[in-house]
């Protein structure tokens, strides 16, 4: 029986090299603030300080970074990145898994989710009260005039509130989108 070598077969060493290249690309694509958030989430949820996240720690860390993953998705991540069959994820693998999700986020989905965080009374609009609450939660000291100016930017019907539709469909994301992004990333 002859044994032939096939160089196209993926070996663990090749997979590791591919992951290292992908990790390097992610480090270039992510903002420093995003890298810091990933680092903080890992440290915060590595409850036993073993340098790895188990299933529960991983699920909560992803949630803290704005990703609601199903049980299947968490298990798939563990299966993909667990290199020694301990069902644990190292920081480097966590960084790569989260980084890929961040890079592949749909900006409109992010704005939709953030809008829901502002619109706590489910009116489909962001009122001065909603914006004031979020600014306070973020520790932003903005005057009512500054907050009104943000609302006015999207207030097409001049009722003193910004509607979901005008923010999402208006393709005008300056001002309020920064607050939406800041709020959502908390």
Protein backbone atom coordinates (compact mmCIF):
# COMPACT_ATOMS: atom_id res chain seq x y z
CA UNK A 1 0.00 0.00 0.00
CA UNK A 2 1.50 3.29 -1.03
CA UNK A 3 1.14 6.50 0.92
CA UNK A 4 1.07 9.70 -1.09
CA UNK A 5 1.49 13.15 0.29
CA UNK A 6 -1.14 15.69 -0.67
CA UNK A 7 -0.08 19.26 -0.02
CA UNK A 8 -3.62 20.59 -0.41
CA UNK A 9 -4.82 18.83 2.73
CA UNK A 10 -5.24 21.25 5.58
CA UNK A 11 -3.18 20.30 8.58
CA UNK A 12 -3.41 21.78 12.05
CA UNK A 13 -0.18 23.66 11.37
CA UNK A 14 -1.60 25.17 8.18
CA UNK A 15 -4.83 26.11 9.95
CA UNK A 16 -2.81 27.77 12.69
CA UNK A 17 -0.83 29.79 10.14
CA UNK A 18 -4.05 30.82 8.39
CA UNK A 19 -5.53 31.89 11.73
CA UNK A 20 -2.40 33.92 12.50
CA UNK A 21 -2.68 35.72 9.15
CA UNK A 22 -6.39 36.37 9.77
CA UNK A 23 -5.62 37.63 13.28
CA UNK A 24 -3.02 40.02 11.88
CA UNK A 25 -5.54 41.41 9.39
CA UNK A 26 -8.13 41.88 12.14
CA UNK A 27 -5.66 43.82 14.25
CA UNK A 28 -5.28 46.24 11.35
CA UNK A 29 -9.03 46.59 10.71
CA UNK A 30 -10.23 47.13 14.28
CA UNK A 31 -10.09 50.50 15.99
CA UNK A 32 -7.97 50.80 19.14
CA UNK A 33 -11.16 51.36 21.14
CA UNK A 34 -12.62 48.11 19.80
CA UNK A 35 -9.42 46.22 20.63
CA UNK A 36 -9.56 47.63 24.17
CA UNK A 37 -13.22 46.60 24.56
CA UNK A 38 -12.38 43.05 23.47
CA UNK A 39 -9.47 42.92 25.93
CA UNK A 40 -11.64 44.27 28.78
CA UNK A 41 -14.50 41.85 28.06
CA UNK A 42 -12.11 38.90 28.09
CA UNK A 43 -10.50 39.98 31.36
CA UNK A 44 -13.83 40.73 33.00
CA UNK A 45 -15.44 37.41 32.14
CA UNK A 46 -12.42 35.14 32.65
CA UNK A 47 -13.86 34.47 36.09
CA UNK A 48 -11.21 32.02 37.28
CA UNK A 49 -8.31 33.93 35.69
CA UNK A 50 -7.07 30.89 33.78
CA UNK A 51 -6.53 32.81 30.55
CA UNK A 52 -9.43 31.03 28.85
CA UNK A 53 -13.19 31.39 28.54
CA UNK A 54 -15.54 28.45 28.96
CA UNK A 55 -18.99 28.23 27.34
CA UNK A 56 -20.79 30.43 29.88
CA UNK A 57 -18.01 33.01 30.12
CA UNK A 58 -17.83 33.17 26.33
CA UNK A 59 -21.58 33.67 25.91
CA UNK A 60 -21.66 36.50 28.47
CA UNK A 61 -18.53 38.15 27.03
CA UNK A 62 -20.10 38.20 23.56
CA UNK A 63 -23.32 39.63 25.00
CA UNK A 64 -21.35 42.37 26.76
CA UNK A 65 -19.86 43.30 23.39
CA UNK A 66 -23.31 43.54 21.80
CA UNK A 67 -23.68 40.08 20.29
CA UNK A 68 -26.59 37.87 21.31
CA UNK A 69 -25.47 34.39 20.31
CA UNK A 70 -27.55 31.23 20.41
CA UNK A 71 -26.27 28.16 22.21
CA UNK A 72 -25.44 26.63 18.82
CA UNK A 73 -23.41 29.69 17.77
CA UNK A 74 -21.38 29.65 21.00
CA UNK A 75 -20.72 25.93 20.61
CA UNK A 76 -19.68 26.48 16.98
CA UNK A 77 -17.18 29.14 18.07
CA UNK A 78 -15.76 26.82 20.72
CA UNK A 79 -15.53 24.00 18.19
CA UNK A 80 -13.80 26.23 15.64
CA UNK A 81 -11.25 27.80 17.99
CA UNK A 82 -10.65 25.20 20.71
CA UNK A 83 -7.22 23.83 19.83
CA UNK A 84 -6.79 21.26 22.62
CA UNK A 85 -10.30 19.82 23.12
CA UNK A 86 -10.79 21.41 26.56
CA UNK A 87 -13.86 23.41 25.40
CA UNK A 88 -12.04 26.63 26.27
CA UNK A 89 -11.14 29.68 24.19
CA UNK A 90 -7.87 31.59 24.64
CA UNK A 91 -7.65 35.37 24.42
CA UNK A 92 -6.16 35.23 20.91
CA UNK A 93 -9.00 33.05 19.68
CA UNK A 94 -11.59 35.18 21.46
CA UNK A 95 -10.09 38.28 19.85
CA UNK A 96 -10.31 36.65 16.43
CA UNK A 97 -13.88 35.40 16.88
CA UNK A 98 -15.16 38.74 18.20
CA UNK A 99 -13.08 40.74 15.73
CA UNK A 100 -14.60 38.88 12.79
CA UNK A 101 -18.08 39.60 14.10
CA UNK A 102 -17.28 43.30 14.57
CA UNK A 103 -15.78 43.65 11.09
CA UNK A 104 -18.79 41.90 9.54
CA UNK A 105 -21.48 43.89 11.38
CA UNK A 106 -24.16 45.49 9.23
CA UNK A 107 -24.11 49.21 10.10
CA UNK A 108 -27.88 49.56 9.56
CA UNK A 109 -28.57 46.65 11.92
CA UNK A 110 -26.38 48.34 14.51
CA UNK A 111 -28.29 51.61 14.15
CA UNK A 112 -31.61 49.74 14.42
CA UNK A 113 -30.52 48.05 17.63
CA UNK A 114 -29.15 51.27 19.06
CA UNK A 115 -32.36 53.10 18.17
CA UNK A 116 -34.31 50.59 20.24
CA UNK A 117 -32.08 51.37 23.22
CA UNK A 118 -32.93 55.06 22.92
CA UNK A 119 -36.63 54.51 22.25
CA UNK A 120 -37.39 53.03 25.67
CA UNK A 121 -41.05 54.03 25.41
CA UNK A 122 -41.44 52.26 22.01
CA UNK A 123 -42.89 55.23 20.15
CA UNK A 124 -40.72 54.81 17.07
CA UNK A 125 -39.21 58.20 17.83
CA UNK A 126 -36.37 59.61 19.90
CA UNK A 127 -37.60 62.44 22.09
CA UNK A 128 -35.63 65.02 24.01
CA UNK A 129 -36.36 62.97 27.15
CA UNK A 130 -34.94 59.81 25.51
CA UNK A 131 -31.82 61.61 24.33
CA UNK A 132 -31.33 63.32 27.70
CA UNK A 133 -31.53 59.94 29.48
CA UNK A 134 -28.93 58.37 27.19
CA UNK A 135 -26.60 61.37 27.43
CA UNK A 136 -26.81 61.12 31.22
CA UNK A 137 -26.14 57.35 31.17
CA UNK A 138 -23.05 58.01 29.04
CA UNK A 139 -21.87 60.77 31.35
CA UNK A 140 -22.21 63.38 28.59
CA UNK A 141 -22.93 66.88 29.85
CA UNK A 142 -24.96 68.22 26.94
CA UNK A 143 -27.35 71.13 27.20
CA UNK A 144 -30.95 70.80 26.09
CA UNK A 145 -30.10 73.11 23.18
CA UNK A 146 -27.35 70.74 22.04
CA UNK A 147 -29.67 67.76 22.39
CA UNK A 148 -32.45 69.58 20.50
CA UNK A 149 -30.00 70.37 17.70
CA UNK A 150 -29.30 66.64 17.32
CA UNK A 151 -32.99 65.88 17.19
CA UNK A 152 -33.67 68.75 14.78
CA UNK A 153 -31.17 67.26 12.35
CA UNK A 154 -33.53 64.30 11.84
CA UNK A 155 -36.88 65.92 12.68
CA UNK A 156 -38.48 66.10 9.24
CA UNK A 157 -42.04 66.59 10.48
CA UNK A 158 -40.97 69.23 13.03
CA UNK A 159 -42.68 67.59 16.01
CA UNK A 160 -39.60 67.84 18.23
CA UNK A 161 -38.72 64.15 17.89
CA UNK A 162 -36.58 62.14 15.50
CA UNK A 163 -38.33 59.25 13.84
CA UNK A 164 -36.78 55.85 13.30
CA UNK A 165 -37.47 56.09 9.58
CA UNK A 166 -35.65 59.39 9.11
CA UNK A 167 -32.59 58.16 10.97
CA UNK A 168 -32.41 54.78 9.22
CA UNK A 169 -33.60 55.78 5.75
CA UNK A 170 -32.39 59.36 5.70
CA UNK A 171 -28.75 58.34 5.14
CA UNK A 172 -27.72 61.23 7.33
CA UNK A 173 -25.82 59.67 10.20
CA UNK A 174 -23.78 62.56 11.58
CA UNK A 175 -24.28 63.82 15.13
CA UNK A 176 -26.87 61.45 16.48
CA UNK A 177 -25.19 58.38 14.98
CA UNK A 178 -22.12 59.07 17.10
CA UNK A 179 -24.25 59.02 20.22
CA UNK A 180 -26.08 55.92 18.94
CA UNK A 181 -22.74 54.21 18.39
CA UNK A 182 -21.33 55.32 21.76
CA UNK A 183 -24.47 54.20 23.57
CA UNK A 184 -24.63 50.86 21.83
CA UNK A 185 -20.99 50.05 22.48
CA UNK A 186 -21.40 50.51 26.26
